[in-house]
Amino acid sequence: MSRHSIILYILIGILVTNLIRVLPMALIHGPIKNRFVRSFLYYVPYVTLAVMTFPDMILATPTPLTGIAALLAGIIAAWFRLGLFPVAVICCVIAFLLV
C-alpha cells in the first residue's frame, strides 16, 4: 500500500467521523419534539451496547451453552434490579462453574 493511499484513507476517515458529529448539530435547531425520534435516540446507546456485548458473551466461553446460561442468569439478576457489578459477578461465576 502506498503512502498516498494511506493518507487518503485517513482523510476520508476524518471527514466521515466529523460529518457524523457535525451534521446533526448543523441541521437540528432547538429541542426535538417528536416523541418517536426522542425515544429512538434515547434507546440507541443501549441497543448498540447490546449488539456488541451479547454475541461475545455467548462465544467467549468454550461452549455456547455456557455463555447462554450466564446470559440468562444475568438477565434474571437484572430483572430483580441488581446493579451492574453484581450482575457481572453472577455471570462470571456461572460461566466459571459451568466450564
N, C-alpha and C. Protein backbone atom coordinates (compact mmCIF):
# COMPACT_ATOMS: atom_id res chain seq x y z
N MET A 1 0.85 -1.17 0.00
CA MET A 1 0.00 0.00 0.00
C MET A 1 0.90 1.24 0.00
N SER A 2 0.58 2.14 -0.85
CA SER A 2 1.43 3.32 -0.97
C SER A 2 1.10 4.34 0.11
N ARG A 3 2.02 5.24 0.31
CA ARG A 3 1.84 6.29 1.32
C ARG A 3 0.68 7.21 0.94
N HIS A 4 0.52 7.43 -0.37
CA HIS A 4 -0.56 8.29 -0.84
C HIS A 4 -1.92 7.72 -0.46
N SER A 5 -2.12 6.42 -0.63
CA SER A 5 -3.42 5.83 -0.32
C SER A 5 -3.68 5.80 1.19
N ILE A 6 -2.65 5.62 2.00
CA ILE A 6 -2.83 5.63 3.46
C ILE A 6 -3.30 7.01 3.91
N ILE A 7 -2.68 8.05 3.40
CA ILE A 7 -3.08 9.41 3.75
C ILE A 7 -4.51 9.68 3.29
N LEU A 8 -4.87 9.20 2.10
CA LEU A 8 -6.22 9.37 1.58
C LEU A 8 -7.24 8.67 2.49
N TYR A 9 -6.94 7.45 2.93
CA TYR A 9 -7.84 6.70 3.81
C TYR A 9 -8.01 7.43 5.15
N ILE A 10 -6.94 7.96 5.68
CA ILE A 10 -7.02 8.70 6.94
C ILE A 10 -7.88 9.95 6.78
N LEU A 11 -7.71 10.67 5.69
CA LEU A 11 -8.51 11.88 5.45
C LEU A 11 -9.99 11.55 5.27
N ILE A 12 -10.29 10.46 4.57
CA ILE A 12 -11.69 10.05 4.41
C ILE A 12 -12.28 9.66 5.76
N GLY A 13 -11.52 8.97 6.59
CA GLY A 13 -11.99 8.61 7.93
C GLY A 13 -12.27 9.84 8.78
N ILE A 14 -11.39 10.83 8.71
CA ILE A 14 -11.61 12.08 9.45
C ILE A 14 -12.87 12.78 8.95
N LEU A 15 -13.05 12.84 7.64
CA LEU A 15 -14.21 13.50 7.06
C LEU A 15 -15.51 12.82 7.49
N VAL A 16 -15.56 11.50 7.39
CA VAL A 16 -16.78 10.76 7.75
C VAL A 16 -17.08 10.92 9.24
N THR A 17 -16.07 10.81 10.08
CA THR A 17 -16.27 10.95 11.53
C THR A 17 -16.80 12.33 11.88
N ASN A 18 -16.24 13.35 11.30
CA ASN A 18 -16.69 14.71 11.60
C ASN A 18 -18.07 15.00 11.02
N LEU A 19 -18.39 14.44 9.86
CA LEU A 19 -19.73 14.65 9.30
C LEU A 19 -20.80 14.05 10.20
N ILE A 20 -20.53 12.88 10.75
CA ILE A 20 -21.50 12.23 11.63
C ILE A 20 -21.75 13.09 12.86
N ARG A 21 -20.76 13.78 13.35
CA ARG A 21 -20.91 14.58 14.56
C ARG A 21 -21.41 16.00 14.28
N VAL A 22 -21.00 16.60 13.19
CA VAL A 22 -21.32 18.00 12.91
C VAL A 22 -22.66 18.14 12.20
N LEU A 23 -22.98 17.23 11.32
CA LEU A 23 -24.20 17.36 10.53
C LEU A 23 -25.47 17.45 11.38
N PRO A 24 -25.67 16.62 12.41
CA PRO A 24 -26.88 16.79 13.23
C PRO A 24 -26.94 18.15 13.93
N MET A 25 -25.81 18.64 14.39
CA MET A 25 -25.80 19.95 15.05
C MET A 25 -26.13 21.06 14.07
N ALA A 26 -25.73 20.90 12.82
CA ALA A 26 -25.99 21.93 11.82
C ALA A 26 -27.43 21.90 11.32
N LEU A 27 -28.05 20.72 11.29
CA LEU A 27 -29.38 20.60 10.73
C LEU A 27 -30.50 20.74 11.75
N ILE A 28 -30.24 20.39 13.01
CA ILE A 28 -31.29 20.43 14.02
C ILE A 28 -31.08 21.65 14.90
N HIS A 29 -32.05 22.54 14.87
CA HIS A 29 -32.01 23.75 15.70
C HIS A 29 -33.12 23.64 16.74
N GLY A 30 -32.77 23.73 18.00
CA GLY A 30 -33.76 23.66 19.06
C GLY A 30 -34.01 22.23 19.52
N PRO A 31 -34.86 22.08 20.51
CA PRO A 31 -35.13 20.75 21.04
C PRO A 31 -35.96 19.90 20.07
N ILE A 32 -35.78 18.58 20.15
CA ILE A 32 -36.54 17.65 19.32
C ILE A 32 -37.87 17.38 20.03
N LYS A 33 -38.97 17.61 19.33
CA LYS A 33 -40.29 17.47 19.94
C LYS A 33 -41.01 16.20 19.54
N ASN A 34 -40.56 15.55 18.49
CA ASN A 34 -41.20 14.32 18.04
C ASN A 34 -40.93 13.20 19.05
N ARG A 35 -42.02 12.58 19.55
CA ARG A 35 -41.88 11.54 20.57
C ARG A 35 -41.13 10.33 20.05
N PHE A 36 -41.42 9.93 18.81
CA PHE A 36 -40.76 8.76 18.24
C PHE A 36 -39.25 8.98 18.12
N VAL A 37 -38.85 10.11 17.61
CA VAL A 37 -37.42 10.41 17.44
C VAL A 37 -36.73 10.49 18.80
N ARG A 38 -37.39 11.11 19.77
CA ARG A 38 -36.80 11.22 21.11
C ARG A 38 -36.61 9.84 21.74
N SER A 39 -37.61 8.97 21.63
CA SER A 39 -37.47 7.63 22.21
C SER A 39 -36.44 6.82 21.44
N PHE A 40 -36.37 7.00 20.12
CA PHE A 40 -35.36 6.31 19.33
C PHE A 40 -33.96 6.71 19.78
N LEU A 41 -33.72 7.99 19.92
CA LEU A 41 -32.41 8.48 20.34
C LEU A 41 -32.09 8.08 21.77
N TYR A 42 -33.10 7.91 22.61
CA TYR A 42 -32.88 7.50 23.99
C TYR A 42 -32.35 6.07 24.06
N TYR A 43 -32.87 5.19 23.21
CA TYR A 43 -32.51 3.78 23.28
C TYR A 43 -31.31 3.39 22.41
N VAL A 44 -30.83 4.26 21.57
CA VAL A 44 -29.70 3.92 20.69
C VAL A 44 -28.46 3.45 21.46
N PRO A 45 -28.03 4.11 22.54
CA PRO A 45 -26.84 3.61 23.25
C PRO A 45 -27.04 2.22 23.84
N TYR A 46 -28.24 1.92 24.35
CA TYR A 46 -28.50 0.60 24.92
C TYR A 46 -28.48 -0.49 23.86
N VAL A 47 -29.07 -0.21 22.72
CA VAL A 47 -29.09 -1.18 21.63
C VAL A 47 -27.68 -1.43 21.11
N THR A 48 -26.91 -0.37 20.97
CA THR A 48 -25.53 -0.51 20.50
C THR A 48 -24.71 -1.36 21.45
N LEU A 49 -24.84 -1.11 22.74
CA LEU A 49 -24.13 -1.91 23.73
C LEU A 49 -24.57 -3.37 23.69
N ALA A 50 -25.87 -3.60 23.54
CA ALA A 50 -26.37 -4.97 23.49
C ALA A 50 -25.86 -5.71 22.26
N VAL A 51 -25.85 -5.04 21.13
CA VAL A 51 -25.39 -5.67 19.89
C VAL A 51 -23.91 -6.03 19.99
N MET A 52 -23.13 -5.22 20.67
CA MET A 52 -21.70 -5.50 20.80
C MET A 52 -21.43 -6.54 21.88
N THR A 53 -22.28 -6.63 22.90
CA THR A 53 -21.99 -7.47 24.06
C THR A 53 -22.56 -8.87 23.95
N PHE A 54 -23.81 -9.03 23.56
CA PHE A 54 -24.46 -10.34 23.62
C PHE A 54 -23.77 -11.42 22.80
N PRO A 55 -23.40 -11.18 21.55
CA PRO A 55 -22.72 -12.26 20.82
C PRO A 55 -21.40 -12.66 21.47
N ASP A 56 -20.68 -11.70 22.01
CA ASP A 56 -19.40 -12.03 22.62
C ASP A 56 -19.59 -12.78 23.93
N MET A 57 -20.67 -12.53 24.65
CA MET A 57 -20.93 -13.28 25.88
C MET A 57 -21.13 -14.76 25.57
N ILE A 58 -21.81 -15.04 24.50
CA ILE A 58 -22.09 -16.43 24.14
C ILE A 58 -20.86 -17.10 23.56
N LEU A 59 -20.09 -16.40 22.79
CA LEU A 59 -18.96 -17.01 22.08
C LEU A 59 -17.64 -16.96 22.87
N ALA A 60 -17.61 -16.28 24.01
CA ALA A 60 -16.36 -16.15 24.77
C ALA A 60 -16.05 -17.39 25.58
N THR A 61 -17.02 -18.25 25.78
CA THR A 61 -16.81 -19.47 26.57
C THR A 61 -16.50 -20.63 25.64
N PRO A 62 -15.96 -21.73 26.19
CA PRO A 62 -15.63 -22.87 25.32
C PRO A 62 -16.85 -23.45 24.59
N THR A 63 -18.01 -23.46 25.24
CA THR A 63 -19.23 -23.93 24.58
C THR A 63 -20.27 -22.82 24.63
N PRO A 64 -21.06 -22.67 23.60
CA PRO A 64 -22.09 -21.63 23.60
C PRO A 64 -23.12 -21.81 24.71
N LEU A 65 -23.38 -23.05 25.14
CA LEU A 65 -24.37 -23.27 26.19
C LEU A 65 -23.96 -22.62 27.50
N THR A 66 -22.67 -22.61 27.79
CA THR A 66 -22.17 -21.94 28.99
C THR A 66 -22.44 -20.44 28.91
N GLY A 67 -22.17 -19.85 27.78
CA GLY A 67 -22.42 -18.43 27.60
C GLY A 67 -23.90 -18.09 27.68
N ILE A 68 -24.75 -18.97 27.11
CA ILE A 68 -26.18 -18.73 27.17
C ILE A 68 -26.68 -18.83 28.61
N ALA A 69 -26.17 -19.80 29.37
CA ALA A 69 -26.57 -19.94 30.78
C ALA A 69 -26.16 -18.70 31.58
N ALA A 70 -24.95 -18.21 31.35
CA ALA A 70 -24.50 -17.00 32.06
C ALA A 70 -25.34 -15.79 31.64
N LEU A 71 -25.68 -15.71 30.37
CA LEU A 71 -26.52 -14.61 29.89
C LEU A 71 -27.90 -14.66 30.53
N LEU A 72 -28.50 -15.84 30.60
CA LEU A 72 -29.82 -15.97 31.23
C LEU A 72 -29.76 -15.63 32.72
N ALA A 73 -28.68 -16.06 33.39
CA ALA A 73 -28.52 -15.72 34.81
C ALA A 73 -28.39 -14.21 34.98
N GLY A 74 -27.68 -13.56 34.08
CA GLY A 74 -27.55 -12.11 34.13
C GLY A 74 -28.87 -11.40 33.89
N ILE A 75 -29.66 -11.90 32.96
CA ILE A 75 -30.97 -11.30 32.69
C ILE A 75 -31.87 -11.44 33.90
N ILE A 76 -31.85 -12.62 34.53
CA ILE A 76 -32.68 -12.82 35.73
C ILE A 76 -32.21 -11.92 36.86
N ALA A 77 -30.91 -11.81 37.05
CA ALA A 77 -30.39 -10.94 38.11
C ALA A 77 -30.75 -9.48 37.84
N ALA A 78 -30.67 -9.06 36.59
CA ALA A 78 -31.04 -7.68 36.25
C ALA A 78 -32.54 -7.46 36.41
N TRP A 79 -33.34 -8.50 36.17
CA TRP A 79 -34.79 -8.39 36.34
C TRP A 79 -35.13 -8.07 37.80
N PHE A 80 -34.33 -8.61 38.72
CA PHE A 80 -34.54 -8.34 40.15
C PHE A 80 -33.85 -7.06 40.59
N ARG A 81 -33.48 -6.24 39.64
CA ARG A 81 -32.93 -4.90 39.87
C ARG A 81 -31.60 -4.90 40.62
N LEU A 82 -30.78 -5.90 40.39
CA LEU A 82 -29.43 -5.86 40.94
C LEU A 82 -28.61 -4.88 40.10
N GLY A 83 -27.57 -4.35 40.66
CA GLY A 83 -26.73 -3.39 39.95
C GLY A 83 -25.86 -4.05 38.91
N LEU A 84 -25.12 -3.22 38.19
CA LEU A 84 -24.26 -3.71 37.11
C LEU A 84 -23.17 -4.63 37.64
N PHE A 85 -22.53 -4.25 38.73
CA PHE A 85 -21.44 -5.08 39.26
C PHE A 85 -21.93 -6.44 39.75
N PRO A 86 -23.02 -6.53 40.55
CA PRO A 86 -23.49 -7.87 40.95
C PRO A 86 -23.92 -8.74 39.77
N VAL A 87 -24.53 -8.14 38.77
CA VAL A 87 -24.93 -8.92 37.59
C VAL A 87 -23.70 -9.45 36.87
N ALA A 88 -22.67 -8.63 36.73
CA ALA A 88 -21.44 -9.08 36.08
C ALA A 88 -20.77 -10.20 36.88
N VAL A 89 -20.77 -10.08 38.20
CA VAL A 89 -20.18 -11.12 39.04
C VAL A 89 -20.95 -12.43 38.90
N ILE A 90 -22.27 -12.35 38.91
CA ILE A 90 -23.10 -13.55 38.77
C ILE A 90 -22.84 -14.22 37.43
N CYS A 91 -22.76 -13.44 36.36
CA CYS A 91 -22.48 -14.01 35.03
C CYS A 91 -21.12 -14.69 35.01
N CYS A 92 -20.12 -14.05 35.59
CA CYS A 92 -18.77 -14.63 35.61
C CYS A 92 -18.73 -15.92 36.42
N VAL A 93 -19.41 -15.93 37.57
CA VAL A 93 -19.41 -17.11 38.42
C VAL A 93 -20.12 -18.27 37.72
N ILE A 94 -21.25 -18.00 37.09
CA ILE A 94 -21.98 -19.05 36.36
C ILE A 94 -21.12 -19.61 35.23
N ALA A 95 -20.49 -18.74 34.48
CA ALA A 95 -19.64 -19.20 33.37
C ALA A 95 -18.46 -20.00 33.89
N PHE A 96 -17.86 -19.56 35.00
CA PHE A 96 -16.73 -20.28 35.59
C PHE A 96 -17.15 -21.66 36.09
N LEU A 97 -18.30 -21.74 36.74
CA LEU A 97 -18.73 -23.02 37.29
C LEU A 97 -19.14 -24.02 36.21
N LEU A 98 -19.63 -23.54 35.10
CA LEU A 98 -20.10 -24.46 34.05
C LEU A 98 -19.01 -24.85 33.07
N VAL A 99 -17.87 -24.23 33.14
CA VAL A 99 -16.79 -24.59 32.20
C VAL A 99 -16.12 -25.83 32.61
